[in-house]
């Protein structure tokens, strides 16, 4: 289980953790973004062939009619 001391390692973008403002940049770390793409766009989004992440026809985002990133979906990935 991760402690609060480990949060900056994956909840924040590299080099952007500000102990004075814990909300600045939170949930924008590379691991969160990678996990979001893997869950909602599918594994092919991790290594796109044309340099752009495109959802496959069976990705979770299309199955659930998700066309925008929402706060709830980000929290789902982070949890």
N, C-alpha and C. Protein backbone atom coordinates (compact mmCIF):
# COMPACT_ATOMS: atom_id res chain seq x y z
N UNK A 1 0.85 -1.18 0.00
CA UNK A 1 0.00 0.00 0.00
C UNK A 1 0.89 1.24 0.00
N UNK A 2 0.56 2.19 -0.83
CA UNK A 2 1.35 3.42 -0.92
C UNK A 2 1.01 4.36 0.23
N UNK A 3 2.03 4.96 0.78
CA UNK A 3 1.81 5.95 1.83
C UNK A 3 1.67 7.33 1.19
N UNK A 4 1.25 8.31 1.96
CA UNK A 4 1.12 9.66 1.42
C UNK A 4 2.47 10.22 1.01
N UNK A 5 3.55 9.72 1.57
CA UNK A 5 4.88 10.17 1.18
C UNK A 5 5.22 9.74 -0.24
N UNK A 6 4.57 8.70 -0.75
CA UNK A 6 4.85 8.21 -2.10
C UNK A 6 3.97 8.87 -3.16
N UNK A 7 2.97 9.62 -2.77
CA UNK A 7 2.06 10.25 -3.73
C UNK A 7 2.77 11.03 -4.82
N UNK A 8 3.72 11.87 -4.50
CA UNK A 8 4.35 12.66 -5.58
C UNK A 8 5.00 11.80 -6.66
N UNK A 9 5.34 10.58 -6.35
CA UNK A 9 6.01 9.74 -7.32
C UNK A 9 5.12 9.35 -8.49
N UNK A 10 3.83 9.24 -8.28
CA UNK A 10 2.98 8.83 -9.40
C UNK A 10 1.70 9.66 -9.56
N UNK A 11 1.33 10.48 -8.61
CA UNK A 11 0.14 11.31 -8.75
C UNK A 11 0.42 12.63 -9.46
N UNK A 12 1.67 13.05 -9.46
CA UNK A 12 2.05 14.33 -10.04
C UNK A 12 2.98 14.13 -11.22
N UNK A 13 2.97 15.08 -12.18
CA UNK A 13 3.94 15.01 -13.27
C UNK A 13 5.36 15.15 -12.72
N UNK A 14 6.33 14.62 -13.43
CA UNK A 14 7.72 14.68 -12.98
C UNK A 14 8.13 16.13 -12.72
N UNK A 15 8.70 16.35 -11.53
CA UNK A 15 9.23 17.65 -11.18
C UNK A 15 8.21 18.72 -10.87
N UNK A 16 6.93 18.38 -10.78
CA UNK A 16 5.90 19.39 -10.54
C UNK A 16 5.22 19.27 -9.18
N UNK A 17 5.75 18.48 -8.28
CA UNK A 17 5.16 18.36 -6.94
C UNK A 17 5.50 19.61 -6.15
N UNK A 18 4.48 20.26 -5.62
CA UNK A 18 4.65 21.47 -4.81
C UNK A 18 4.08 21.19 -3.42
N UNK A 19 4.94 21.00 -2.40
CA UNK A 19 4.43 20.69 -1.06
C UNK A 19 3.59 21.81 -0.46
N UNK A 20 3.70 23.01 -1.01
CA UNK A 20 2.90 24.14 -0.53
C UNK A 20 1.49 24.14 -1.14
N UNK A 21 1.33 23.52 -2.29
CA UNK A 21 0.04 23.46 -2.98
C UNK A 21 -0.17 22.03 -3.48
N UNK A 22 -0.72 21.18 -2.63
CA UNK A 22 -0.87 19.76 -2.95
C UNK A 22 -1.83 19.49 -4.10
N UNK A 23 -2.73 20.41 -4.40
CA UNK A 23 -3.70 20.20 -5.47
C UNK A 23 -3.15 20.55 -6.84
N UNK A 24 -2.08 21.31 -6.89
CA UNK A 24 -1.49 21.73 -8.17
C UNK A 24 -0.89 20.52 -8.88
N UNK A 25 -1.46 20.14 -10.00
CA UNK A 25 -0.94 19.04 -10.80
C UNK A 25 -1.33 17.64 -10.34
N UNK A 26 -2.13 17.53 -9.28
CA UNK A 26 -2.48 16.19 -8.77
C UNK A 26 -3.26 15.40 -9.83
N UNK A 27 -3.03 14.12 -9.87
CA UNK A 27 -3.66 13.16 -10.79
C UNK A 27 -3.31 13.44 -12.26
N UNK A 28 -2.13 14.03 -12.50
CA UNK A 28 -1.66 14.27 -13.86
C UNK A 28 -0.32 13.59 -14.11
N UNK A 29 0.05 12.68 -13.22
CA UNK A 29 1.31 11.96 -13.38
C UNK A 29 1.27 10.99 -14.55
N UNK A 30 2.45 10.60 -15.01
CA UNK A 30 2.55 9.72 -16.17
C UNK A 30 1.87 8.37 -15.95
N UNK A 31 1.97 7.83 -14.74
CA UNK A 31 1.35 6.54 -14.46
C UNK A 31 -0.17 6.64 -14.54
N UNK A 32 -0.74 7.72 -14.02
CA UNK A 32 -2.19 7.92 -14.08
C UNK A 32 -2.63 8.03 -15.54
N UNK A 33 -1.90 8.81 -16.34
CA UNK A 33 -2.25 8.97 -17.75
C UNK A 33 -2.14 7.66 -18.51
N UNK A 34 -1.07 6.92 -18.24
CA UNK A 34 -0.89 5.62 -18.90
C UNK A 34 -2.02 4.67 -18.54
N UNK A 35 -2.37 4.61 -17.24
CA UNK A 35 -3.44 3.71 -16.79
C UNK A 35 -4.78 4.12 -17.39
N UNK A 36 -5.04 5.42 -17.46
CA UNK A 36 -6.29 5.91 -18.04
C UNK A 36 -6.41 5.46 -19.50
N UNK A 37 -5.35 5.66 -20.25
CA UNK A 37 -5.36 5.26 -21.66
C UNK A 37 -5.55 3.76 -21.80
N UNK A 38 -4.88 2.98 -20.95
CA UNK A 38 -4.98 1.52 -21.03
C UNK A 38 -6.39 1.04 -20.71
N UNK A 39 -7.02 1.65 -19.70
CA UNK A 39 -8.36 1.21 -19.29
C UNK A 39 -9.42 1.66 -20.29
N UNK A 40 -9.40 2.93 -20.67
CA UNK A 40 -10.50 3.47 -21.46
C UNK A 40 -10.28 3.41 -22.97
N UNK A 41 -9.03 3.46 -23.43
CA UNK A 41 -8.78 3.41 -24.87
C UNK A 41 -8.28 2.05 -25.33
N UNK A 42 -7.82 1.23 -24.39
CA UNK A 42 -7.32 -0.09 -24.72
C UNK A 42 -5.81 -0.10 -24.87
N UNK A 43 -5.23 -1.28 -24.87
CA UNK A 43 -3.77 -1.40 -24.92
C UNK A 43 -3.14 -0.83 -26.18
N UNK A 44 -3.87 -0.77 -27.28
CA UNK A 44 -3.29 -0.23 -28.51
C UNK A 44 -3.02 1.26 -28.41
N UNK A 45 -3.65 1.95 -27.48
CA UNK A 45 -3.43 3.39 -27.31
C UNK A 45 -2.07 3.68 -26.71
N UNK A 46 -1.48 2.71 -26.05
CA UNK A 46 -0.16 2.91 -25.44
C UNK A 46 0.92 3.05 -26.49
N UNK A 47 0.81 2.31 -27.56
CA UNK A 47 1.79 2.35 -28.64
C UNK A 47 1.08 2.60 -29.97
N UNK A 48 0.60 3.82 -30.18
CA UNK A 48 -0.13 4.09 -31.41
C UNK A 48 0.77 4.02 -32.64
N UNK A 49 0.21 3.56 -33.73
CA UNK A 49 1.00 3.39 -34.95
C UNK A 49 1.23 4.71 -35.69
N UNK A 50 0.34 5.67 -35.52
CA UNK A 50 0.46 6.94 -36.25
C UNK A 50 0.83 8.10 -35.32
N UNK A 51 1.25 7.82 -34.11
CA UNK A 51 1.64 8.88 -33.20
C UNK A 51 0.49 9.52 -32.45
N UNK A 52 -0.71 9.01 -32.63
CA UNK A 52 -1.89 9.56 -31.96
C UNK A 52 -2.66 8.42 -31.32
N UNK A 53 -3.10 8.61 -30.08
CA UNK A 53 -3.85 7.57 -29.38
C UNK A 53 -5.28 7.53 -29.93
N UNK A 54 -5.62 6.45 -30.57
CA UNK A 54 -6.95 6.26 -31.13
C UNK A 54 -7.60 5.05 -30.45
N UNK A 55 -8.85 5.20 -30.01
CA UNK A 55 -9.52 4.06 -29.38
C UNK A 55 -9.84 2.98 -30.40
N UNK A 56 -9.77 1.74 -29.95
CA UNK A 56 -10.18 0.63 -30.81
C UNK A 56 -11.70 0.53 -30.75
N UNK A 57 -12.29 -0.24 -31.62
CA UNK A 57 -13.75 -0.33 -31.69
C UNK A 57 -14.35 -0.95 -30.43
N UNK A 58 -13.57 -1.69 -29.68
CA UNK A 58 -14.11 -2.34 -28.48
C UNK A 58 -13.59 -1.71 -27.19
N UNK A 59 -13.08 -0.50 -27.26
CA UNK A 59 -12.52 0.11 -26.05
C UNK A 59 -13.65 0.50 -25.10
N UNK A 60 -13.33 0.59 -23.83
CA UNK A 60 -14.33 0.91 -22.80
C UNK A 60 -14.96 2.28 -23.00
N UNK A 61 -14.21 3.24 -23.50
CA UNK A 61 -14.76 4.57 -23.71
C UNK A 61 -15.93 4.54 -24.70
N UNK A 62 -15.76 3.83 -25.80
CA UNK A 62 -16.84 3.74 -26.79
C UNK A 62 -17.99 2.88 -26.29
N UNK A 63 -17.68 1.81 -25.59
CA UNK A 63 -18.72 0.93 -25.05
C UNK A 63 -19.65 1.70 -24.12
N UNK A 64 -19.08 2.65 -23.34
CA UNK A 64 -19.86 3.41 -22.35
C UNK A 64 -20.18 4.83 -22.82
N UNK A 65 -20.02 5.08 -24.12
CA UNK A 65 -20.32 6.40 -24.71
C UNK A 65 -19.61 7.54 -23.99
N UNK A 66 -18.35 7.34 -23.71
CA UNK A 66 -17.53 8.37 -23.06
C UNK A 66 -16.76 9.13 -24.14
N UNK A 67 -17.02 10.41 -24.25
CA UNK A 67 -16.35 11.23 -25.26
C UNK A 67 -15.47 12.29 -24.64
N UNK A 68 -15.52 12.42 -23.32
CA UNK A 68 -14.71 13.38 -22.59
C UNK A 68 -14.15 12.73 -21.34
N UNK A 69 -13.01 13.23 -20.91
CA UNK A 69 -12.45 12.80 -19.63
C UNK A 69 -13.24 13.49 -18.54
N UNK A 70 -13.66 12.73 -17.53
CA UNK A 70 -14.43 13.31 -16.42
C UNK A 70 -13.66 13.14 -15.12
N UNK A 71 -14.06 13.93 -14.13
CA UNK A 71 -13.44 13.80 -12.81
C UNK A 71 -13.65 12.39 -12.26
N UNK A 72 -14.83 11.87 -12.43
CA UNK A 72 -15.14 10.53 -11.92
C UNK A 72 -14.27 9.46 -12.56
N UNK A 73 -14.03 9.58 -13.86
CA UNK A 73 -13.22 8.56 -14.53
C UNK A 73 -11.76 8.65 -14.11
N UNK A 74 -11.26 9.86 -13.85
CA UNK A 74 -9.88 10.02 -13.36
C UNK A 74 -9.75 9.41 -11.97
N UNK A 75 -10.71 9.67 -11.11
CA UNK A 75 -10.68 9.11 -9.75
C UNK A 75 -10.79 7.59 -9.81
N UNK A 76 -11.59 7.06 -10.72
CA UNK A 76 -11.70 5.61 -10.89
C UNK A 76 -10.33 5.01 -11.19
N UNK A 77 -9.59 5.62 -12.08
CA UNK A 77 -8.26 5.13 -12.44
C UNK A 77 -7.30 5.25 -11.26
N UNK A 78 -7.36 6.35 -10.55
CA UNK A 78 -6.43 6.58 -9.42
C UNK A 78 -6.71 5.65 -8.25
N UNK A 79 -7.98 5.23 -8.11
CA UNK A 79 -8.33 4.37 -6.99
C UNK A 79 -7.83 3.00 -7.27
